[in-house]
Amino acid sequence: VREEMFLEARFGDSFRSWAREVPAL
């Protein structure tokens, strides 16, 4: 959660698009 909050703040829509398509576990 901590890492993904940082990545979303850093990469914005690019991260959100990747996170929607790629499962976490």
PDB file of all heavy atoms in Angstrom:
ATOM      1  N   VAL A   1       0.839  -1.194   0.000  1.00  0.00           N
ATOM      2  CA  VAL A   1       0.000   0.000   0.000  1.00  0.00           C
ATOM      3  C   VAL A   1       0.873   1.243   0.000  1.00  0.00           C
ATOM      4  O   VAL A   1       0.635   2.201  -0.755  1.00  0.00           O
ATOM      5  CB  VAL A   1      -0.956   0.006   1.212  1.00  0.00           C
ATOM      6  CG1 VAL A   1      -1.602   1.378   1.384  1.00  0.00           C
ATOM      7  CG2 VAL A   1      -2.035  -1.049   1.026  1.00  0.00           C
ATOM      8  N   ARG A   2       1.897   1.238   0.843  1.00  0.00           N
ATOM      9  CA  ARG A   2       2.821   2.385   0.900  1.00  0.00           C
ATOM     10  C   ARG A   2       3.509   2.592  -0.443  1.00  0.00           C
ATOM     11  O   ARG A   2       3.615   3.717  -0.943  1.00  0.00           O
ATOM     12  CB  ARG A   2       3.865   2.141   2.003  1.00  0.00           C
ATOM     13  CG  ARG A   2       5.002   3.169   2.004  1.00  0.00           C
ATOM     14  CD  ARG A   2       4.490   4.570   2.304  1.00  0.00           C
ATOM     15  NE  ARG A   2       5.565   5.531   2.296  1.00  0.00           N
ATOM     16  CZ  ARG A   2       5.942   6.221   1.222  1.00  0.00           C
ATOM     17  NH1 ARG A   2       5.324   6.024   0.060  1.00  0.00           N
ATOM     18  NH2 ARG A   2       6.921   7.099   1.287  1.00  0.00           N
ATOM     19  N   GLU A   3       3.973   1.531  -1.060  1.00  0.00           N
ATOM     20  CA  GLU A   3       4.677   1.629  -2.331  1.00  0.00           C
ATOM     21  C   GLU A   3       3.753   2.117  -3.449  1.00  0.00           C
ATOM     22  O   GLU A   3       4.130   2.969  -4.259  1.00  0.00           O
ATOM     23  CB  GLU A   3       5.268   0.275  -2.693  1.00  0.00           C
ATOM     24  CG  GLU A   3       6.385  -0.143  -1.758  1.00  0.00           C
ATOM     25  CD  GLU A   3       6.890  -1.543  -2.058  1.00  0.00           C
ATOM     26  OE1 GLU A   3       6.186  -2.281  -2.788  1.00  0.00           O
ATOM     27  OE2 GLU A   3       7.967  -1.883  -1.577  1.00  0.00           O
ATOM     28  N   GLU A   4       2.540   1.589  -3.464  1.00  0.00           N
ATOM     29  CA  GLU A   4       1.638   1.962  -4.541  1.00  0.00           C
ATOM     30  C   GLU A   4       1.143   3.398  -4.395  1.00  0.00           C
ATOM     31  O   GLU A   4       0.866   4.069  -5.389  1.00  0.00           O
ATOM     32  CB  GLU A   4       0.481   0.972  -4.617  1.00  0.00           C
ATOM     33  CG  GLU A   4       0.949  -0.415  -5.034  1.00  0.00           C
ATOM     34  CD  GLU A   4      -0.178  -1.293  -5.542  1.00  0.00           C
ATOM     35  OE1 GLU A   4      -1.356  -0.863  -5.469  1.00  0.00           O
ATOM     36  OE2 GLU A   4       0.122  -2.399  -6.018  1.00  0.00           O
ATOM     37  N   MET A   5       1.047   3.882  -3.173  1.00  0.00           N
ATOM     38  CA  MET A   5       0.705   5.296  -2.982  1.00  0.00           C
ATOM     39  C   MET A   5       1.806   6.175  -3.556  1.00  0.00           C
ATOM     40  O   MET A   5       1.531   7.189  -4.208  1.00  0.00           O
ATOM     41  CB  MET A   5       0.491   5.590  -1.496  1.00  0.00           C
ATOM     42  CG  MET A   5      -0.761   4.952  -0.911  1.00  0.00           C
ATOM     43  SD  MET A   5      -0.961   5.245   0.862  1.00  0.00           S
ATOM     44  CE  MET A   5      -1.337   6.994   0.871  1.00  0.00           C
ATOM     45  N   PHE A   6       3.060   5.789  -3.320  1.00  0.00           N
ATOM     46  CA  PHE A   6       4.182   6.547  -3.884  1.00  0.00           C
ATOM     47  C   PHE A   6       4.168   6.485  -5.407  1.00  0.00           C
ATOM     48  O   PHE A   6       4.332   7.495  -6.091  1.00  0.00           O
ATOM     49  CB  PHE A   6       5.503   5.989  -3.354  1.00  0.00           C
ATOM     50  CG  PHE A   6       6.689   6.437  -4.171  1.00  0.00           C
ATOM     51  CD1 PHE A   6       7.187   7.723  -4.055  1.00  0.00           C
ATOM     52  CD2 PHE A   6       7.296   5.560  -5.073  1.00  0.00           C
ATOM     53  CE1 PHE A   6       8.267   8.133  -4.825  1.00  0.00           C
ATOM     54  CE2 PHE A   6       8.368   5.968  -5.834  1.00  0.00           C
ATOM     55  CZ  PHE A   6       8.855   7.261  -5.715  1.00  0.00           C
ATOM     56  N   LEU A   7       3.961   5.288  -5.958  1.00  0.00           N
ATOM     57  CA  LEU A   7       3.987   5.127  -7.412  1.00  0.00           C
ATOM     58  C   LEU A   7       2.849   5.882  -8.092  1.00  0.00           C
ATOM     59  O   LEU A   7       3.032   6.458  -9.164  1.00  0.00           O
ATOM     60  CB  LEU A   7       3.913   3.640  -7.764  1.00  0.00           C
ATOM     61  CG  LEU A   7       5.130   2.799  -7.354  1.00  0.00           C
ATOM     62  CD1 LEU A   7       4.888   1.333  -7.672  1.00  0.00           C
ATOM     63  CD2 LEU A   7       6.388   3.298  -8.046  1.00  0.00           C
ATOM     64  N   GLU A   8       1.681   5.890  -7.470  1.00  0.00           N
ATOM     65  CA  GLU A   8       0.566   6.641  -8.055  1.00  0.00           C
ATOM     66  C   GLU A   8       0.860   8.129  -8.063  1.00  0.00           C
ATOM     67  O   GLU A   8       0.579   8.828  -9.040  1.00  0.00           O
ATOM     68  CB  GLU A   8      -0.716   6.356  -7.285  1.00  0.00           C
ATOM     69  CG  GLU A   8      -1.923   7.048  -7.903  1.00  0.00           C
ATOM     70  CD  GLU A   8      -3.208   6.774  -7.147  1.00  0.00           C
ATOM     71  OE1 GLU A   8      -3.129   6.300  -5.997  1.00  0.00           O
ATOM     72  OE2 GLU A   8      -4.284   7.036  -7.702  1.00  0.00           O
ATOM     73  N   ALA A   9       1.438   8.627  -6.966  1.00  0.00           N
ATOM     74  CA  ALA A   9       1.783  10.044  -6.908  1.00  0.00           C
ATOM     75  C   ALA A   9       2.877  10.389  -7.911  1.00  0.00           C
ATOM     76  O   ALA A   9       2.893  11.486  -8.477  1.00  0.00           O
ATOM     77  CB  ALA A   9       2.228  10.411  -5.492  1.00  0.00           C
ATOM     78  N   ARG A  10       3.790   9.446  -8.144  1.00  0.00           N
ATOM     79  CA  ARG A  10       4.924   9.697  -9.039  1.00  0.00           C
ATOM     80  C   ARG A  10       4.542   9.562 -10.509  1.00  0.00           C
ATOM     81  O   ARG A  10       4.945  10.363 -11.345  1.00  0.00           O
ATOM     82  CB  ARG A  10       6.064   8.710  -8.703  1.00  0.00           C
ATOM     83  CG  ARG A  10       7.276   8.798  -9.643  1.00  0.00           C
ATOM     84  CD  ARG A  10       7.997  10.110  -9.478  1.00  0.00           C
ATOM     85  NE  ARG A  10       9.194  10.152 -10.297  1.00  0.00           N
ATOM     86  CZ  ARG A  10       9.193  10.470 -11.600  1.00  0.00           C
ATOM     87  NH1 ARG A  10       8.042  10.763 -12.210  1.00  0.00           N
ATOM     88  NH2 ARG A  10      10.324  10.497 -12.279  1.00  0.00           N
ATOM     89  N   PHE A  11       3.728   8.542 -10.851  1.00  0.00           N
ATOM     90  CA  PHE A  11       3.467   8.249 -12.262  1.00  0.00           C
ATOM     91  C   PHE A  11       2.016   8.471 -12.687  1.00  0.00           C
ATOM     92  O   PHE A  11       1.704   8.352 -13.867  1.00  0.00           O
ATOM     93  CB  PHE A  11       3.872   6.807 -12.572  1.00  0.00           C
ATOM     94  CG  PHE A  11       5.331   6.545 -12.378  1.00  0.00           C
ATOM     95  CD1 PHE A  11       5.787   5.855 -11.262  1.00  0.00           C
ATOM     96  CD2 PHE A  11       6.265   7.000 -13.298  1.00  0.00           C
ATOM     97  CE1 PHE A  11       7.139   5.617 -11.068  1.00  0.00           C
ATOM     98  CE2 PHE A  11       7.613   6.770 -13.119  1.00  0.00           C
ATOM     99  CZ  PHE A  11       8.063   6.076 -11.998  1.00  0.00           C
ATOM    100  N   GLY A  12       1.126   8.759 -11.751  1.00  0.00           N
ATOM    101  CA  GLY A  12      -0.235   9.152 -12.077  1.00  0.00           C
ATOM    102  C   GLY A  12      -1.003   8.153 -12.923  1.00  0.00           C
ATOM    103  O   GLY A  12      -1.139   6.978 -12.568  1.00  0.00           O
ATOM    104  N   ASP A  13      -1.503   8.598 -14.062  1.00  0.00           N
ATOM    105  CA  ASP A  13      -2.348   7.767 -14.916  1.00  0.00           C
ATOM    106  C   ASP A  13      -1.615   6.534 -15.437  1.00  0.00           C
ATOM    107  O   ASP A  13      -2.237   5.492 -15.652  1.00  0.00           O
ATOM    108  CB  ASP A  13      -2.881   8.580 -16.092  1.00  0.00           C
ATOM    109  CG  ASP A  13      -3.935   9.595 -15.665  1.00  0.00           C
ATOM    110  OD1 ASP A  13      -4.523   9.407 -14.584  1.00  0.00           O
ATOM    111  OD2 ASP A  13      -4.155  10.578 -16.419  1.00  0.00           O
ATOM    112  N   SER A  14      -0.323   6.644 -15.653  1.00  0.00           N
ATOM    113  CA  SER A  14       0.445   5.484 -16.125  1.00  0.00           C
ATOM    114  C   SER A  14       0.397   4.362 -15.097  1.00  0.00           C
ATOM    115  O   SER A  14       0.201   3.193 -15.442  1.00  0.00           O
ATOM    116  CB  SER A  14       1.898   5.884 -16.395  1.00  0.00           C
ATOM    117  OG  SER A  14       1.988   6.810 -17.447  1.00  0.00           O
ATOM    118  N   PHE A  15       0.554   4.727 -13.825  1.00  0.00           N
ATOM    119  CA  PHE A  15       0.464   3.712 -12.786  1.00  0.00           C
ATOM    120  C   PHE A  15      -0.946   3.156 -12.679  1.00  0.00           C
ATOM    121  O   PHE A  15      -1.142   1.946 -12.571  1.00  0.00           O
ATOM    122  CB  PHE A  15       0.882   4.288 -11.432  1.00  0.00           C
ATOM    123  CG  PHE A  15       0.513   3.389 -10.286  1.00  0.00           C
ATOM    124  CD1 PHE A  15       1.282   2.287  -9.982  1.00  0.00           C
ATOM    125  CD2 PHE A  15      -0.641   3.620  -9.539  1.00  0.00           C
ATOM    126  CE1 PHE A  15       0.938   1.426  -8.940  1.00  0.00           C
ATOM    127  CE2 PHE A  15      -0.994   2.775  -8.504  1.00  0.00           C
ATOM    128  CZ  PHE A  15      -0.206   1.680  -8.217  1.00  0.00           C
ATOM    129  N   ARG A  16      -1.957   4.032 -12.700  1.00  0.00           N
ATOM    130  CA  ARG A  16      -3.337   3.572 -12.555  1.00  0.00           C
ATOM    131  C   ARG A  16      -3.732   2.631 -13.685  1.00  0.00           C
ATOM    132  O   ARG A  16      -4.423   1.631 -13.463  1.00  0.00           O
ATOM    133  CB  ARG A  16      -4.284   4.767 -12.463  1.00  0.00           C
ATOM    134  CG  ARG A  16      -4.229   5.488 -11.111  1.00  0.00           C
ATOM    135  CD  ARG A  16      -5.317   6.530 -11.004  1.00  0.00           C
ATOM    136  NE  ARG A  16      -4.995   7.713 -11.789  1.00  0.00           N
ATOM    137  CZ  ARG A  16      -4.340   8.764 -11.311  1.00  0.00           C
ATOM    138  NH1 ARG A  16      -3.897   8.760 -10.052  1.00  0.00           N
ATOM    139  NH2 ARG A  16      -4.093   9.812 -12.077  1.00  0.00           N
ATOM    140  N   SER A  17      -3.299   2.936 -14.894  1.00  0.00           N
ATOM    141  CA  SER A  17      -3.599   2.060 -16.025  1.00  0.00           C
ATOM    142  C   SER A  17      -2.937   0.704 -15.859  1.00  0.00           C
ATOM    143  O   SER A  17      -3.560  -0.342 -16.086  1.00  0.00           O
ATOM    144  CB  SER A  17      -3.129   2.723 -17.329  1.00  0.00           C
ATOM    145  OG  SER A  17      -3.317   1.864 -18.436  1.00  0.00           O
ATOM    146  N   TRP A  18      -1.677   0.710 -15.424  1.00  0.00           N
ATOM    147  CA  TRP A  18      -0.943  -0.547 -15.198  1.00  0.00           C
ATOM    148  C   TRP A  18      -1.580  -1.348 -14.056  1.00  0.00           C
ATOM    149  O   TRP A  18      -1.757  -2.565 -14.163  1.00  0.00           O
ATOM    150  CB  TRP A  18       0.504  -0.208 -14.889  1.00  0.00           C
ATOM    151  CG  TRP A  18       1.351  -1.346 -14.439  1.00  0.00           C
ATOM    152  CD1 TRP A  18       1.757  -2.423 -15.178  1.00  0.00           C
ATOM    153  CD2 TRP A  18       1.905  -1.530 -13.135  1.00  0.00           C
ATOM    154  NE1 TRP A  18       2.538  -3.257 -14.428  1.00  0.00           N
ATOM    155  CE2 TRP A  18       2.644  -2.733 -13.165  1.00  0.00           C
ATOM    156  CE3 TRP A  18       1.863  -0.795 -11.960  1.00  0.00           C
ATOM    157  CZ2 TRP A  18       3.330  -3.212 -12.051  1.00  0.00           C
ATOM    158  CZ3 TRP A  18       2.550  -1.266 -10.853  1.00  0.00           C
ATOM    159  CH2 TRP A  18       3.262  -2.468 -10.909  1.00  0.00           C
ATOM    160  N   ALA A  19      -1.950  -0.675 -12.983  1.00  0.00           N
ATOM    161  CA  ALA A  19      -2.528  -1.359 -11.823  1.00  0.00           C
ATOM    162  C   ALA A  19      -3.895  -1.952 -12.144  1.00  0.00           C
ATOM    163  O   ALA A  19      -4.272  -2.978 -11.576  1.00  0.00           O
ATOM    164  CB  ALA A  19      -2.639  -0.390 -10.641  1.00  0.00           C
ATOM    165  N   ARG A  20      -4.653  -1.319 -13.028  1.00  0.00           N
ATOM    166  CA  ARG A  20      -5.943  -1.872 -13.414  1.00  0.00           C
ATOM    167  C   ARG A  20      -5.795  -3.163 -14.213  1.00  0.00           C
ATOM    168  O   ARG A  20      -6.644  -4.056 -14.128  1.00  0.00           O
ATOM    169  CB  ARG A  20      -6.741  -0.850 -14.240  1.00  0.00           C
ATOM    170  CG  ARG A  20      -7.421   0.233 -13.427  1.00  0.00           C
ATOM    171  CD  ARG A  20      -8.443   0.982 -14.257  1.00  0.00           C
ATOM    172  NE  ARG A  20      -7.822   1.666 -15.399  1.00  0.00           N
ATOM    173  CZ  ARG A  20      -7.392   2.912 -15.355  1.00  0.00           C
ATOM    174  NH1 ARG A  20      -7.505   3.617 -14.244  1.00  0.00           N
ATOM    175  NH2 ARG A  20      -6.850   3.466 -16.413  1.00  0.00           N
ATOM    176  N   GLU A  21      -4.732  -3.264 -14.972  1.00  0.00           N
ATOM    177  CA  GLU A  21      -4.561  -4.405 -15.875  1.00  0.00           C
ATOM    178  C   GLU A  21      -3.778  -5.557 -15.253  1.00  0.00           C
ATOM    179  O   GLU A  21      -3.978  -6.718 -15.606  1.00  0.00           O
ATOM    180  CB  GLU A  21      -3.850  -3.946 -17.162  1.00  0.00           C
ATOM    181  CG  GLU A  21      -4.602  -2.894 -17.954  1.00  0.00           C
ATOM    182  CD  GLU A  21      -5.921  -3.412 -18.480  1.00  0.00           C
ATOM    183  OE1 GLU A  21      -6.007  -4.627 -18.767  1.00  0.00           O
ATOM    184  OE2 GLU A  21      -6.871  -2.617 -18.599  1.00  0.00           O
ATOM    185  N   VAL A  22      -2.874  -5.245 -14.334  1.00  0.00           N
ATOM    186  CA  VAL A  22      -1.968  -6.259 -13.785  1.00  0.00           C
ATOM    187  C   VAL A  22      -2.380  -6.594 -12.353  1.00  0.00           C
ATOM    188  O   VAL A  22      -2.468  -5.696 -11.508  1.00  0.00           O
ATOM    189  CB  VAL A  22      -0.502  -5.765 -13.815  1.00  0.00           C
ATOM    190  CG1 VAL A  22       0.430  -6.808 -13.215  1.00  0.00           C
ATOM    191  CG2 VAL A  22      -0.087  -5.426 -15.241  1.00  0.00           C
ATOM    192  N   PRO A  23      -2.639  -7.870 -12.050  1.00  0.00           N
ATOM    193  CA  PRO A  23      -3.037  -8.252 -10.682  1.00  0.00           C
ATOM    194  C   PRO A  23      -1.893  -8.064  -9.697  1.00  0.00           C
ATOM    195  O   PRO A  23      -0.716  -8.063 -10.075  1.00  0.00           O
ATOM    196  CB  PRO A  23      -3.421  -9.726 -10.828  1.00  0.00           C
ATOM    197  CG  PRO A  23      -2.682 -10.202 -12.033  1.00  0.00           C
ATOM    198  CD  PRO A  23      -2.602  -9.027 -12.968  1.00  0.00           C
ATOM    199  N   ALA A  24      -2.243  -7.925  -8.443  1.00  0.00           N
ATOM    200  CA  ALA A  24      -1.239  -7.659  -7.416  1.00  0.00           C
ATOM    201  C   ALA A  24      -0.538  -8.917  -6.940  1.00  0.00           C
ATOM    202  O   ALA A  24       0.646  -8.883  -6.614  1.00  0.00           O
ATOM    203  CB  ALA A  24      -1.886  -6.950  -6.224  1.00  0.00           C
ATOM    204  N   LEU A  25      -1.247 -10.037  -6.875  1.00  0.00           N
ATOM    205  CA  LEU A  25      -0.683 -11.224  -6.236  1.00  0.00           C
ATOM    206  C   LEU A  25      -0.689 -12.466  -7.114  1.00  0.00           C
ATOM    207  O   LEU A  25       0.305 -13.186  -7.175  1.00  0.00           O
ATOM    208  CB  LEU A  25      -1.443 -11.516  -4.942  1.00  0.00           C
ATOM    209  CG  LEU A  25      -0.945 -12.703  -4.116  1.00  0.00           C
ATOM    210  CD1 LEU A  25       0.495 -12.462  -3.671  1.00  0.00           C
ATOM    211  CD2 LEU A  25      -1.842 -12.918  -2.905  1.00  0.00           C
TER     212      LEU A  25
END
